[in-house]
């Protein structure tokens, strides 16, 4: 299984915190950044192959990953037009190294527990993390659940939906179907939407099931306010 970490975004909502490095390198404790925590959890879970998309500060990011000296094999893929596209195009840029693989996909600003990651990896079916207990967010991802399966993911959905986070385990058949549609979108110059827009077109072929993390720690850091909340939760969790 290959981990795909999407780190091409500019993190504008973080203000000065992303003025010299990508958002994923933001400190979340005295010892860890968002990214170092993700990577250490991947190592603990037995993952060895990491595909990482990059954009702004790509050289800083590569050097940082090397400095961690973790037993991981990295493939870095830069989105050359990261400032005018969304991560759907970053995935497209990495398509050749992602095809025909089982994929563990996550956004680079996502914080989660080892327990959630273990459940995701061990899922026999392709899955996405959702919460049946959290309130539906106004601006973040929701997943529509129909007959026990996720049929749509986006920020605009509220009916029959659960709060969702971009942590996926994708078996290769499902992933290939999604990746084919991602390629079709990008090759028709539809590069500014979410990759999930492509999934919504092929959810009858890319079969993704909800994995409910309820109130456990699994969330993105989009703003300085999110960062402070996440720091407090991590400190409470880890004592």
Protein backbone atom coordinates (compact mmCIF):
# COMPACT_ATOMS: atom_id res chain seq x y z
CA UNK A 1 0.00 0.00 0.00
CA UNK A 2 1.18 3.50 -0.90
CA UNK A 3 0.32 6.52 1.24
CA UNK A 4 -0.64 9.59 -0.79
CA UNK A 5 -0.27 12.86 1.12
CA UNK A 6 -1.58 15.99 -0.60
CA UNK A 7 0.66 18.95 0.24
CA UNK A 8 0.36 21.26 -2.76
CA UNK A 9 -1.95 23.83 -1.19
CA UNK A 10 -0.82 27.32 -0.23
CA UNK A 11 -2.48 27.44 3.19
CA UNK A 12 -3.49 31.08 2.82
CA UNK A 13 -5.99 30.94 5.70
CA UNK A 14 -3.12 30.24 8.13
CA UNK A 15 -1.68 33.73 7.56
CA UNK A 16 1.93 34.26 8.65
CA UNK A 17 2.19 30.65 9.84
CA UNK A 18 2.65 29.55 6.22
CA UNK A 19 4.85 32.41 5.06
CA UNK A 20 8.04 30.33 5.02
CA UNK A 21 6.95 26.70 4.75
CA UNK A 22 3.95 24.57 3.75
CA UNK A 23 1.06 24.25 6.19
CA UNK A 24 1.92 20.62 6.93
CA UNK A 25 5.13 21.78 8.64
CA UNK A 26 3.20 23.80 11.25
CA UNK A 27 4.04 22.83 14.84
CA UNK A 28 1.26 21.05 16.73
CA UNK A 29 3.31 20.28 19.84
CA UNK A 30 6.80 20.82 21.21
CA UNK A 31 7.98 17.72 19.35
CA UNK A 32 5.83 17.36 16.26
CA UNK A 33 4.51 19.10 13.17
CA UNK A 34 1.34 18.02 11.40
CA UNK A 35 3.46 16.15 8.85
CA UNK A 36 5.95 14.54 11.23
CA UNK A 37 3.02 13.15 13.22
CA UNK A 38 1.42 11.73 10.09
CA UNK A 39 4.66 10.16 8.93
CA UNK A 40 5.50 8.65 12.31
CA UNK A 41 2.04 7.09 12.48
CA UNK A 42 2.52 5.66 8.98
CA UNK A 43 5.82 4.12 10.01
CA UNK A 44 4.23 2.60 13.11
CA UNK A 45 1.47 1.16 10.89
CA UNK A 46 3.99 -0.55 8.62
CA UNK A 47 3.71 1.77 5.62
CA UNK A 48 6.99 2.27 3.75
CA UNK A 49 6.01 4.01 0.48
CA UNK A 50 4.88 7.64 0.50
CA UNK A 51 3.85 9.68 -2.54
CA UNK A 52 3.71 13.35 -1.63
CA UNK A 53 2.44 16.13 -3.85
CA UNK A 54 4.15 19.48 -3.42
CA UNK A 55 3.69 23.06 -4.53
CA UNK A 56 4.85 26.19 -2.73
CA UNK A 57 8.08 25.72 -0.73
CA UNK A 58 8.62 22.31 -2.33
CA UNK A 59 12.37 22.28 -1.66
CA UNK A 60 11.82 23.18 1.99
CA UNK A 61 9.36 20.30 2.27
CA UNK A 62 11.70 17.76 0.67
CA UNK A 63 14.57 18.79 2.94
CA UNK A 64 12.33 18.58 5.98
CA UNK A 65 11.17 15.06 5.16
CA UNK A 66 14.78 13.98 4.69
CA UNK A 67 15.74 15.54 8.03
CA UNK A 68 13.24 13.35 9.88
CA UNK A 69 15.27 10.27 8.94
CA UNK A 70 12.28 7.96 8.94
CA UNK A 71 12.35 4.55 7.21
CA UNK A 72 10.17 5.75 4.34
CA UNK A 73 10.66 5.78 0.59
CA UNK A 74 9.41 9.11 -0.77
CA UNK A 75 8.22 10.02 -4.23
CA UNK A 76 7.74 13.78 -4.45
CA UNK A 77 5.58 15.12 -7.28
CA UNK A 78 5.31 18.88 -7.76
CA UNK A 79 2.18 20.47 -9.14
CA UNK A 80 3.77 23.18 -11.33
CA UNK A 81 0.58 25.25 -11.36
CA UNK A 82 -0.37 24.73 -7.71
CA UNK A 83 -1.41 28.37 -7.35
CA UNK A 84 -4.19 28.17 -9.96
CA UNK A 85 -5.42 24.58 -9.51
CA UNK A 86 -6.85 22.39 -6.78
CA UNK A 87 -5.44 19.08 -5.55
CA UNK A 88 -7.33 17.20 -8.25
CA UNK A 89 -4.55 18.38 -10.56
CA UNK A 90 -1.85 17.45 -8.08
CA UNK A 91 -3.18 13.89 -8.14
CA UNK A 92 -3.22 14.03 -11.92
CA UNK A 93 0.45 15.03 -11.93
CA UNK A 94 1.21 11.91 -9.85
CA UNK A 95 -1.03 9.57 -11.84
CA UNK A 96 1.75 7.39 -13.23
CA UNK A 97 3.08 6.45 -9.79
CA UNK A 98 -0.40 5.97 -8.30
CA UNK A 99 -2.13 3.75 -10.82
CA UNK A 100 -2.74 0.08 -9.96
CA UNK A 101 -1.87 0.62 -6.31
CA UNK A 102 -3.79 0.25 -3.07
CA UNK A 103 -3.83 3.81 -1.75
CA UNK A 104 -4.06 5.40 1.68
CA UNK A 105 -4.94 9.00 0.84
CA UNK A 106 -4.94 11.95 3.21
CA UNK A 107 -4.72 15.72 3.14
CA UNK A 108 -1.51 17.15 4.51
CA UNK A 109 -3.29 19.19 7.18
CA UNK A 110 -5.17 16.24 8.69
CA UNK A 111 -4.59 15.14 12.29
CA UNK A 112 -5.84 11.74 13.46
CA UNK A 113 -5.10 9.02 15.99
CA UNK A 114 -3.16 5.80 15.53
CA UNK A 115 -6.36 3.91 16.34
CA UNK A 116 -8.29 5.54 13.50
CA UNK A 117 -5.43 4.94 11.07
CA UNK A 118 -5.29 1.27 12.11
CA UNK A 119 -9.03 0.85 11.48
CA UNK A 120 -8.75 2.50 8.08
CA UNK A 121 -5.82 0.37 6.97
CA UNK A 122 -7.44 -2.84 8.17
CA UNK A 123 -10.71 -2.17 6.36
CA UNK A 124 -11.27 -4.81 3.69
CA UNK A 125 -13.42 -2.38 1.72
CA UNK A 126 -12.44 1.03 0.42
CA UNK A 127 -13.47 3.54 3.07
CA UNK A 128 -13.57 7.19 4.10
CA UNK A 129 -13.63 8.53 7.65
CA UNK A 130 -16.96 10.06 8.72
CA UNK A 131 -18.58 10.99 12.01
CA UNK A 132 -22.14 10.13 12.96
CA UNK A 133 -21.98 12.29 16.09
CA UNK A 134 -20.40 15.58 14.98
CA UNK A 135 -22.58 18.39 13.68
CA UNK A 136 -22.49 18.90 9.94
CA UNK A 137 -19.88 21.58 9.16
CA UNK A 138 -20.96 24.54 7.07
CA UNK A 139 -17.91 24.74 4.81
CA UNK A 140 -16.13 21.38 5.13
CA UNK A 141 -16.70 17.96 3.61
CA UNK A 142 -19.89 16.01 4.10
CA UNK A 143 -20.54 12.52 2.74
CA UNK A 144 -23.93 11.36 1.52
CA UNK A 145 -24.60 7.81 2.68
CA UNK A 146 -27.06 5.66 0.71
CA UNK A 147 -27.62 1.95 1.36
CA UNK A 148 -24.53 1.89 3.55
CA UNK A 149 -22.25 3.32 0.85
CA UNK A 150 -20.86 6.79 0.18
CA UNK A 151 -22.37 8.13 -3.02
CA UNK A 152 -21.26 11.77 -2.91
CA UNK A 153 -18.68 13.88 -1.08
CA UNK A 154 -18.59 17.66 -1.04
CA UNK A 155 -19.09 20.79 1.01
CA UNK A 156 -22.54 21.46 -0.45
CA UNK A 157 -24.35 18.32 0.70
CA UNK A 158 -26.50 18.27 3.84
CA UNK A 159 -29.34 15.76 3.33
CA UNK A 160 -28.59 12.12 4.29
CA UNK A 161 -25.05 13.28 5.06
CA UNK A 162 -22.40 12.88 7.74
CA UNK A 163 -19.41 15.06 8.58
CA UNK A 164 -16.44 13.63 6.68
CA UNK A 165 -12.66 13.91 6.76
CA UNK A 166 -10.28 13.28 3.83
CA UNK A 167 -8.68 10.07 5.10
CA UNK A 168 -9.31 7.23 2.66
CA UNK A 169 -8.27 3.63 2.16
CA UNK A 170 -8.78 2.80 -1.52
CA UNK A 171 -8.43 -0.66 -2.98
CA UNK A 172 -6.81 -0.57 -6.40
CA UNK A 173 -9.93 -1.35 -8.44
CA UNK A 174 -11.88 1.45 -6.78
CA UNK A 175 -8.91 3.80 -6.94
CA UNK A 176 -8.31 3.15 -10.64
CA UNK A 177 -11.94 4.03 -11.40
CA UNK A 178 -11.62 7.29 -9.48
CA UNK A 179 -8.20 8.08 -10.96
CA UNK A 180 -9.54 7.56 -14.49
CA UNK A 181 -12.23 10.17 -13.83
CA UNK A 182 -9.69 12.53 -12.24
CA UNK A 183 -7.67 12.28 -15.45
CA UNK A 184 -10.78 12.92 -17.56
CA UNK A 185 -11.57 16.04 -15.51
CA UNK A 186 -8.05 17.44 -15.77
CA UNK A 187 -7.67 16.66 -19.45
CA UNK A 188 -10.86 18.63 -20.11
CA UNK A 189 -9.34 21.56 -18.18
CA UNK A 190 -11.52 21.02 -15.10
CA UNK A 191 -8.66 21.50 -12.62
CA UNK A 192 -9.97 23.85 -9.94
CA UNK A 193 -12.54 21.58 -8.29
CA UNK A 194 -12.08 18.94 -5.62
CA UNK A 195 -10.99 15.44 -6.59
CA UNK A 196 -14.23 14.36 -4.92
CA UNK A 197 -16.17 15.99 -7.78
CA UNK A 198 -14.70 13.29 -9.99
CA UNK A 199 -15.57 10.59 -7.44
CA UNK A 200 -19.19 11.76 -7.42
CA UNK A 201 -19.39 10.91 -11.13
CA UNK A 202 -18.17 7.32 -10.65
CA UNK A 203 -19.36 6.35 -7.18
CA UNK A 204 -21.23 3.43 -8.79
CA UNK A 205 -17.81 2.02 -9.81
CA UNK A 206 -15.61 3.35 -7.01
CA UNK A 207 -17.24 1.72 -3.99
CA UNK A 208 -16.35 3.61 -0.81
CA UNK A 209 -17.90 2.82 2.55
CA UNK A 210 -18.14 5.03 5.65
CA UNK A 211 -15.83 4.37 8.59
CA UNK A 212 -17.33 6.11 11.60
CA UNK A 213 -14.82 7.70 13.99
CA UNK A 214 -17.58 9.42 16.02
CA UNK A 215 -15.91 11.81 18.53
CA UNK A 216 -12.35 10.54 18.16
CA UNK A 217 -9.61 12.91 17.03
CA UNK A 218 -9.72 13.31 13.25
CA UNK A 219 -9.77 16.76 11.73
CA UNK A 220 -8.10 19.27 9.45
CA UNK A 221 -6.27 22.44 10.42
CA UNK A 222 -7.37 25.28 8.16
CA UNK A 223 -6.96 28.34 10.39
CA UNK A 224 -4.93 29.51 13.39
CA UNK A 225 -8.06 28.91 15.48
CA UNK A 226 -8.20 25.29 14.29
CA UNK A 227 -4.55 24.95 15.22
CA UNK A 228 -5.09 26.03 18.81
CA UNK A 229 -8.03 23.64 19.21
CA UNK A 230 -6.01 20.77 17.77
CA UNK A 231 -3.00 21.51 19.96
CA UNK A 232 -5.21 21.35 23.04
CA UNK A 233 -6.82 18.08 21.95
CA UNK A 234 -3.45 16.46 21.22
CA UNK A 235 -2.05 17.62 24.57
CA UNK A 236 -5.07 16.18 26.39
CA UNK A 237 -4.85 12.93 24.44
CA UNK A 238 -1.16 12.38 24.97
CA UNK A 239 -0.95 13.68 28.51
